[in-house]
Amino acid sequence: MPEREDDHLTPATRLLEKRREMAEVDQALLAQKEEFQMKMESLQQRREELERKECDLKEQLLKFDHFLKENDSKKARALKKADEERDSKKHKDKEIEKLKVEKSKLEKDKSKLQEKLDRFKIYHTYMEKVLEAGEEFGEMRDIIARYDTLTATHEEKDNEILSCNNQLSGLQTQLDTAQSEAVKWESAWTHIKNTAATKTLTLGRIKMAARNLYQLVKRHQRQSAEEEETHEQLAQIRVVIQDLLSITGEIRRAELSQASIVPPSSS
């Protein structure tokens, strides 16, 4: 039977050799433990950074979506108000045309009444001449009665003219009011159109914000930002967020897997 290499060693020497081996094993285990700890710290830092980026992107996306919804709501309200004011202006224009027609009719009625009055004045003058001539009427009361009749008729026609003038004045007031309202609604419509231009500028700023967020994502991916529509940029931003969520899940699973590793026994 061949002699073992360490048979000639004394028990004390073998004990020292075993202790040296144990020290090497402990040192190796310690190095592995430190390496594992460093990996865990690196994973923790990476996870925290990813979680922070994930939260930032989510917050920006939520704010952006809220801003888009709010802007769409304001735009819808502005368009609805513009339609209502346009319909109101059309209604006022119709009222103005109607008042113009009524005014024209009253002016014609006034002209007719004035013509009648002029004719009655002629008759009145004629009756005065008849009275002076004294050829047709035998008594003064006949002329007076005729004169009273003509006077009553004249007063009646004057009252009719006055009534027409009052109606005409009222219609003129209504016409002036309607025209004033039309000017006001025209000014409001101009304001709505200017507001629409402002909304267009706001939409441009929204697209610029989406573009900046899209470029931030592309820099994170180390890719060049292509010229795309806003909804396509938002779609890619959502994809990046989903990827970040997936990576976070993998890191967490890796942490659980690393935590389940049991270091080798030192015995």
Protein backbone atom coordinates (compact mmCIF):
# COMPACT_ATOMS: atom_id res chain seq x y z
CA MET A 1 0.00 0.00 0.00
CA PRO A 2 1.61 3.32 -1.09
CA GLU A 3 2.34 5.81 1.59
CA ARG A 4 0.09 8.97 1.60
CA GLU A 5 1.82 12.28 1.03
CA ASP A 6 0.75 13.72 4.40
CA ASP A 7 1.29 10.54 6.43
CA HIS A 8 4.63 11.83 7.54
CA LEU A 9 2.99 15.11 8.81
CA THR A 10 2.41 15.50 12.48
CA PRO A 11 -1.11 16.06 13.82
CA ALA A 12 -0.25 19.67 14.62
CA THR A 13 0.93 20.26 11.06
CA ARG A 14 -2.20 18.67 9.62
CA LEU A 15 -4.34 20.86 11.91
CA LEU A 16 -2.56 23.94 10.67
CA GLU A 17 -3.09 22.79 7.07
CA LYS A 18 -6.80 22.29 7.69
CA ARG A 19 -7.06 25.73 9.29
CA ARG A 20 -5.32 27.25 6.28
CA GLU A 21 -7.78 25.52 3.96
CA MET A 22 -10.68 26.69 6.10
CA ALA A 23 -9.33 30.26 5.98
CA GLU A 24 -9.13 30.07 2.19
CA VAL A 25 -12.69 28.77 2.03
CA ASP A 26 -13.88 31.53 4.38
CA GLN A 27 -12.07 34.12 2.31
CA ALA A 28 -13.63 32.78 -0.89
CA LEU A 29 -17.07 32.81 0.73
CA LEU A 30 -16.51 36.35 1.95
CA ALA A 31 -15.48 37.45 -1.54
CA GLN A 32 -18.58 35.79 -2.98
CA LYS A 33 -20.73 37.45 -0.34
CA GLU A 34 -19.25 40.89 -1.08
CA GLU A 35 -19.71 40.34 -4.82
CA PHE A 36 -23.31 39.27 -4.24
CA GLN A 37 -23.90 42.29 -2.02
CA MET A 38 -22.48 44.62 -4.68
CA LYS A 39 -24.70 43.04 -7.32
CA MET A 40 -27.73 43.42 -5.07
CA GLU A 41 -26.90 47.09 -4.42
CA SER A 42 -26.44 47.68 -8.15
CA LEU A 43 -29.76 45.99 -8.87
CA GLN A 44 -31.42 48.05 -6.14
CA GLN A 45 -30.04 51.29 -7.57
CA ARG A 46 -31.13 50.30 -11.05
CA ARG A 47 -34.57 49.37 -9.81
CA GLU A 48 -34.95 52.69 -7.95
CA GLU A 49 -33.81 54.61 -11.01
CA LEU A 50 -36.23 52.71 -13.25
CA GLU A 51 -39.06 53.22 -10.76
CA ARG A 52 -38.29 56.93 -10.62
CA LYS A 53 -38.24 57.17 -14.42
CA GLU A 54 -41.43 55.14 -14.59
CA CYS A 55 -43.16 57.48 -12.13
CA ASP A 56 -41.90 60.55 -14.02
CA LEU A 57 -43.14 59.22 -17.34
CA LYS A 58 -46.49 58.19 -15.86
CA GLU A 59 -46.94 61.60 -14.25
CA GLN A 60 -46.05 63.43 -17.47
CA LEU A 61 -48.34 61.19 -19.50
CA LEU A 62 -51.25 61.69 -17.08
CA LYS A 63 -50.75 65.46 -17.09
CA PHE A 64 -50.55 65.46 -20.87
CA ASP A 65 -53.70 63.33 -21.26
CA HIS A 66 -55.55 65.59 -18.79
CA PHE A 67 -54.38 68.64 -20.70
CA LEU A 68 -55.58 67.16 -24.01
CA LYS A 69 -58.98 66.27 -22.56
CA GLU A 70 -59.38 69.71 -20.98
CA ASN A 71 -58.40 71.41 -24.22
CA ASP A 72 -60.86 69.28 -26.22
CA SER A 73 -63.61 70.19 -23.74
CA LYS A 74 -62.84 73.92 -24.01
CA LYS A 75 -62.74 73.69 -27.78
CA ALA A 76 -66.12 71.92 -27.85
CA ARG A 77 -67.65 74.56 -25.57
CA ALA A 78 -66.22 77.38 -27.69
CA LEU A 79 -67.57 75.83 -30.90
CA LYS A 80 -70.98 75.30 -29.31
CA LYS A 81 -71.07 78.90 -28.10
CA ALA A 82 -70.01 80.12 -31.56
CA ASP A 83 -72.85 78.14 -33.17
CA GLU A 84 -75.37 79.53 -30.68
CA GLU A 85 -74.20 83.10 -31.22
CA ARG A 86 -74.24 82.62 -35.01
CA ASP A 87 -77.83 81.34 -34.81
CA SER A 88 -78.75 84.27 -32.58
CA LYS A 89 -77.22 86.70 -35.07
CA LYS A 90 -79.25 85.14 -37.89
CA HIS A 91 -82.40 85.54 -35.79
CA LYS A 92 -81.57 89.20 -35.09
CA ASP A 93 -80.92 89.80 -38.79
CA LYS A 94 -84.35 88.38 -39.61
CA GLU A 95 -85.93 90.64 -36.99
CA ILE A 96 -84.14 93.64 -38.49
CA GLU A 97 -85.43 92.81 -41.97
CA LYS A 98 -88.94 92.38 -40.58
CA LEU A 99 -88.76 95.77 -38.83
CA LYS A 100 -87.51 97.39 -42.02
CA VAL A 101 -90.50 96.00 -43.91
CA GLU A 102 -92.89 97.27 -41.22
CA LYS A 103 -91.20 100.67 -41.25
CA SER A 104 -91.56 100.89 -45.01
CA LYS A 105 -95.24 99.97 -44.76
CA LEU A 106 -95.89 102.60 -42.08
CA GLU A 107 -94.12 105.24 -44.14
CA LYS A 108 -96.37 104.39 -47.07
CA ASP A 109 -99.44 104.59 -44.80
CA LYS A 110 -98.24 107.93 -43.51
CA SER A 111 -97.81 109.20 -47.07
CA LYS A 112 -101.33 108.08 -47.97
CA LEU A 113 -102.80 109.75 -44.91
CA GLN A 114 -100.90 112.93 -45.69
CA GLU A 115 -102.31 112.88 -49.20
CA LYS A 116 -105.82 112.53 -47.78
CA LEU A 117 -105.18 115.39 -45.40
CA ASP A 118 -103.97 117.55 -48.25
CA ARG A 119 -107.13 116.75 -50.15
CA PHE A 120 -109.24 117.69 -47.13
CA LYS A 121 -107.38 120.99 -46.83
CA ILE A 122 -108.31 121.76 -50.39
CA TYR A 123 -111.94 121.10 -49.56
CA HIS A 124 -111.66 123.26 -46.48
CA THR A 125 -110.31 126.15 -48.50
CA TYR A 126 -113.00 125.64 -51.06
CA MET A 127 -115.73 125.73 -48.42
CA GLU A 128 -114.35 129.01 -47.10
CA LYS A 129 -114.57 130.45 -50.58
CA VAL A 130 -118.09 129.12 -50.88
CA LEU A 131 -118.99 130.83 -47.63
CA GLU A 132 -117.59 134.09 -48.91
CA ALA A 133 -119.48 133.76 -52.13
CA GLY A 134 -122.68 132.76 -50.35
CA GLU A 135 -124.15 131.19 -53.46
CA GLU A 136 -124.62 127.53 -52.45
CA PHE A 137 -125.40 127.59 -48.71
CA GLY A 138 -128.35 129.52 -47.47
CA GLU A 139 -127.47 129.51 -43.76
CA MET A 140 -124.25 129.84 -41.83
CA ARG A 141 -124.93 126.80 -39.72
CA ASP A 142 -124.77 124.67 -42.82
CA ILE A 143 -121.30 125.94 -43.54
CA ILE A 144 -120.40 125.61 -39.85
CA ALA A 145 -121.70 122.05 -39.77
CA ARG A 146 -119.70 121.24 -42.86
CA TYR A 147 -116.70 122.95 -41.34
CA ASP A 148 -117.10 120.96 -38.11
CA THR A 149 -117.31 117.83 -40.13
CA LEU A 150 -114.18 118.71 -42.05
CA THR A 151 -112.42 119.74 -38.83
CA ALA A 152 -113.34 116.48 -37.14
CA THR A 153 -112.13 114.60 -40.17
CA HIS A 154 -108.92 116.62 -40.16
CA GLU A 155 -108.35 115.94 -36.47
CA GLU A 156 -109.06 112.28 -36.98
CA LYS A 157 -106.54 112.10 -39.76
CA ASP A 158 -104.06 114.08 -37.69
CA ASN A 159 -104.51 111.58 -34.89
CA GLU A 160 -104.00 108.76 -37.33
CA ILE A 161 -100.83 110.40 -38.58
CA LEU A 162 -99.68 110.98 -34.99
CA SER A 163 -100.40 107.34 -34.19
CA CYS A 164 -98.48 106.26 -37.27
CA ASN A 165 -95.63 108.56 -36.28
CA ASN A 166 -95.62 107.04 -32.80
CA GLN A 167 -95.60 103.54 -34.24
CA LEU A 168 -92.87 104.55 -36.66
CA SER A 169 -90.85 106.02 -33.79
CA GLY A 170 -91.29 102.81 -31.78
CA LEU A 171 -90.26 100.70 -34.75
CA GLN A 172 -87.28 102.99 -35.33
CA THR A 173 -86.27 102.44 -31.68
CA GLN A 174 -86.64 98.68 -32.12
CA LEU A 175 -84.63 98.86 -35.33
CA ASP A 176 -81.87 100.85 -33.61
CA THR A 177 -81.84 98.33 -30.73
CA ALA A 178 -81.72 95.39 -33.13
CA GLN A 179 -78.89 97.00 -35.11
CA SER A 180 -77.01 97.64 -31.86
CA GLU A 181 -77.53 93.99 -30.89
CA ALA A 182 -76.30 92.92 -34.32
CA VAL A 183 -73.12 94.97 -33.84
CA LYS A 184 -72.63 93.37 -30.41
CA TRP A 185 -73.09 89.84 -31.77
CA GLU A 186 -70.79 90.65 -34.69
CA SER A 187 -68.14 91.73 -32.16
CA ALA A 188 -68.74 88.54 -30.17
CA TRP A 189 -68.36 86.47 -33.33
CA THR A 190 -65.06 88.23 -34.11
CA HIS A 191 -63.92 87.45 -30.55
CA ILE A 192 -64.83 83.77 -31.05
CA LYS A 193 -62.79 83.64 -34.25
CA ASN A 194 -59.81 85.24 -32.46
CA THR A 195 -60.24 82.72 -29.62
CA ALA A 196 -60.17 79.90 -32.17
CA ALA A 197 -56.82 81.25 -33.42
CA THR A 198 -55.55 81.19 -29.82
CA LYS A 199 -56.73 77.60 -29.46
CA THR A 200 -54.80 76.71 -32.61
CA LEU A 201 -51.65 78.20 -31.03
CA THR A 202 -52.32 76.18 -27.84
CA LEU A 203 -52.65 72.99 -29.92
CA GLY A 204 -49.27 73.74 -31.46
CA ARG A 205 -47.76 74.03 -27.98
CA ILE A 206 -49.37 70.72 -27.04
CA LYS A 207 -47.78 69.03 -30.03
CA MET A 208 -44.44 70.61 -29.08
CA ALA A 209 -44.74 69.17 -25.54
CA ALA A 210 -45.51 65.73 -26.98
CA ARG A 211 -42.53 66.10 -29.31
CA ASN A 212 -40.20 66.95 -26.39
CA LEU A 213 -41.43 63.95 -24.40
CA TYR A 214 -40.99 61.77 -27.47
CA GLN A 215 -37.40 63.00 -27.95
CA LEU A 216 -36.70 62.29 -24.26
CA VAL A 217 -37.84 58.71 -24.77
CA LYS A 218 -35.75 58.36 -27.93
CA ARG A 219 -32.65 59.67 -26.13
CA HIS A 220 -33.31 57.11 -23.41
CA GLN A 221 -33.42 54.45 -26.14
CA ARG A 222 -30.35 55.98 -27.82
CA GLN A 223 -32.28 56.32 -31.08
CA SER A 224 -32.89 59.21 -33.41
CA ALA A 225 -36.31 60.88 -33.18
CA GLU A 226 -38.25 60.51 -36.44
CA GLU A 227 -40.90 62.93 -37.68
CA GLU A 228 -44.20 61.30 -36.70
CA GLU A 229 -47.75 62.32 -35.86
CA THR A 230 -48.57 63.21 -32.24
CA HIS A 231 -50.70 60.12 -31.66
CA GLU A 232 -47.87 57.91 -32.98
CA GLN A 233 -45.42 59.60 -30.59
CA LEU A 234 -47.78 58.95 -27.67
CA ALA A 235 -48.08 55.32 -28.74
CA GLN A 236 -44.30 54.89 -28.60
CA ILE A 237 -44.18 56.60 -25.21
CA ARG A 238 -46.70 54.09 -23.90
CA VAL A 239 -44.57 51.23 -25.31
CA VAL A 240 -41.53 52.54 -23.41
CA ILE A 241 -43.51 52.70 -20.18
CA GLN A 242 -44.65 49.11 -20.69
CA ASP A 243 -41.03 48.06 -21.32
CA LEU A 244 -39.96 49.79 -18.12
CA LEU A 245 -42.67 47.96 -16.22
CA SER A 246 -41.48 44.67 -17.72
CA ILE A 247 -37.84 45.39 -16.80
CA THR A 248 -38.87 46.31 -13.27
CA GLY A 249 -40.70 43.02 -12.98
CA GLU A 250 -37.66 41.09 -14.16
CA ILE A 251 -35.44 42.87 -11.65
CA ARG A 252 -37.81 42.05 -8.84
CA ARG A 253 -37.93 38.41 -9.88
CA ALA A 254 -34.12 38.40 -10.03
CA GLU A 255 -33.96 39.80 -6.51
CA LEU A 256 -36.26 37.09 -5.25
CA SER A 257 -34.16 34.48 -7.04
CA GLN A 258 -30.89 35.85 -5.58
CA ALA A 259 -32.39 35.99 -2.09
CA SER A 260 -33.21 32.28 -2.29
CA ILE A 261 -29.53 31.31 -2.90
CA VAL A 262 -27.99 29.73 0.24
CA PRO A 263 -24.16 30.17 0.64
CA PRO A 264 -22.18 26.84 0.99
CA SER A 265 -21.57 25.58 4.55
CA SER A 266 -18.15 26.20 6.12
CA SER A 267 -18.01 22.79 7.85
